[in-house]
Amino acid sequence: RVLRFYAAALHARDWAAAAKAWGQGSGVTAKTLQDSYDRGDPPTLEVGKGDEEGAAGSSFYEAPVTLRFGAAAPPEHGSLVLRRVNDVPGATPEQLRWHIERSTIGQGE
């Protein structure tokens, strides 16, 4: 659901909503998303089937993605990694929610 929400927000150019899909402390803001993705055509994010795994009290989900800006621009490939803290005593609501932790879009993948 987080990735569908993020893809829809990017396509709508709702940078503030898209930034909410990222975890606090990621440094990703509405401004950084707009600076990166506000190009001629609205961005379209295609999300493939990912894999979930757990480690040290957290769960991770990594999905392959393709970002497109219309037919004329070359697609950008990479992955998005989501993370959430498992039901660890003392975890905050922010830590317990799925959120994007990192992206490799456009980094040569």
Protein backbone atom coordinates (compact mmCIF):
# COMPACT_ATOMS: atom_id res chain seq x y z
CA ARG A 1 0.00 0.00 0.00
CA VAL A 2 2.84 2.40 0.77
CA LEU A 3 4.34 1.94 -2.68
CA ARG A 4 0.96 2.37 -4.42
CA PHE A 5 0.36 5.53 -2.36
CA TYR A 6 3.84 6.84 -3.22
CA ALA A 7 3.42 6.11 -6.94
CA ALA A 8 0.03 7.85 -7.04
CA ALA A 9 1.34 10.89 -5.14
CA LEU A 10 4.35 11.22 -7.46
CA HIS A 11 2.15 10.96 -10.56
CA ALA A 12 -0.20 13.62 -9.14
CA ARG A 13 2.85 15.75 -8.33
CA ASP A 14 1.64 15.88 -4.75
CA TRP A 15 5.15 16.20 -3.37
CA ALA A 16 4.02 16.71 0.24
CA ALA A 17 1.99 13.49 0.21
CA ALA A 18 4.81 11.57 -1.47
CA ALA A 19 7.26 12.78 1.19
CA LYS A 20 5.02 11.24 3.89
CA ALA A 21 5.83 7.78 2.51
CA TRP A 22 9.44 8.28 3.61
CA GLY A 23 10.62 7.73 7.16
CA GLN A 24 11.40 10.58 9.49
CA GLY A 25 15.08 11.36 9.37
CA SER A 26 15.39 10.26 5.73
CA GLY A 27 15.99 13.81 4.61
CA VAL A 28 13.38 13.41 1.88
CA THR A 29 11.03 16.38 1.76
CA ALA A 30 8.42 17.71 -0.63
CA LYS A 31 11.09 20.08 -1.95
CA THR A 32 13.67 17.34 -2.60
CA LEU A 33 11.07 15.25 -4.42
CA GLN A 34 9.92 18.20 -6.50
CA ASP A 35 13.50 19.11 -7.36
CA SER A 36 14.18 15.52 -8.46
CA TYR A 37 10.95 14.58 -10.21
CA ASP A 38 9.17 17.72 -11.47
CA ARG A 39 10.03 17.33 -15.14
CA GLY A 40 8.00 17.76 -18.32
CA ASP A 41 5.70 14.77 -17.98
CA PRO A 42 4.44 13.59 -14.60
CA PRO A 43 6.47 10.72 -13.15
CA THR A 44 5.05 7.22 -13.44
CA LEU A 45 6.43 4.68 -10.97
CA GLU A 46 6.03 1.02 -11.91
CA VAL A 47 6.53 -1.35 -8.99
CA GLY A 48 7.49 -4.99 -9.41
CA LYS A 49 7.03 -7.88 -7.00
CA GLY A 50 9.43 -7.56 -4.11
CA ASP A 51 10.82 -9.69 -1.32
CA GLU A 52 10.32 -9.35 2.43
CA GLU A 53 12.86 -10.34 5.03
CA GLY A 54 13.48 -9.66 8.67
CA ALA A 55 16.57 -8.77 10.64
CA ALA A 56 17.28 -7.64 14.20
CA GLY A 57 13.75 -6.59 15.13
CA SER A 58 12.84 -5.01 11.77
CA SER A 59 11.15 -6.16 8.61
CA PHE A 60 12.29 -5.01 5.18
CA TYR A 61 10.58 -5.14 1.80
CA GLU A 62 12.61 -4.46 -1.35
CA ALA A 63 10.81 -3.96 -4.65
CA PRO A 64 12.23 -3.36 -8.11
CA VAL A 65 10.89 -0.16 -9.67
CA THR A 66 10.96 1.69 -12.96
CA LEU A 67 10.44 5.44 -13.09
CA ARG A 68 9.26 6.99 -16.34
CA PHE A 69 8.76 10.59 -17.47
CA GLY A 70 6.79 10.05 -20.68
CA ALA A 71 7.67 8.03 -23.75
CA ALA A 72 10.56 10.22 -24.91
CA ALA A 73 12.66 10.00 -21.75
CA PRO A 74 14.67 6.86 -20.92
CA PRO A 75 13.32 4.90 -17.96
CA GLU A 76 15.20 4.95 -14.67
CA HIS A 77 15.52 1.61 -12.88
CA GLY A 78 16.30 0.77 -9.29
CA SER A 79 14.66 -0.42 -6.13
CA LEU A 80 12.82 0.96 -3.14
CA VAL A 81 13.39 -0.51 0.31
CA LEU A 82 10.66 -0.26 2.89
CA ARG A 83 11.21 -0.87 6.58
CA ARG A 84 9.23 -1.20 9.76
CA VAL A 85 10.18 -2.10 13.30
CA ASN A 86 8.47 -5.28 14.43
CA ASP A 87 6.31 -5.15 17.55
CA VAL A 88 9.20 -4.24 19.82
CA PRO A 89 8.22 -2.83 23.24
CA GLY A 90 8.74 0.92 23.28
CA ALA A 91 8.65 1.32 19.49
CA THR A 92 7.00 4.54 18.36
CA PRO A 93 4.07 4.62 15.93
CA GLU A 94 6.47 6.11 13.34
CA GLN A 95 8.84 3.13 13.74
CA LEU A 96 5.98 0.62 13.51
CA ARG A 97 4.63 1.89 10.19
CA TRP A 98 5.94 0.76 6.84
CA HIS A 99 7.93 3.59 5.25
CA ILE A 100 10.46 4.01 2.46
CA GLU A 101 13.94 3.83 3.89
CA ARG A 102 16.07 4.10 0.75
CA SER A 103 16.01 4.25 -3.02
CA THR A 104 18.44 3.27 -5.73
CA ILE A 105 16.45 4.82 -8.59
CA GLY A 106 18.81 6.32 -11.10
CA GLN A 107 21.94 4.95 -9.43
CA GLY A 108 22.97 2.69 -12.28
CA GLU A 109 20.84 -0.38 -11.52
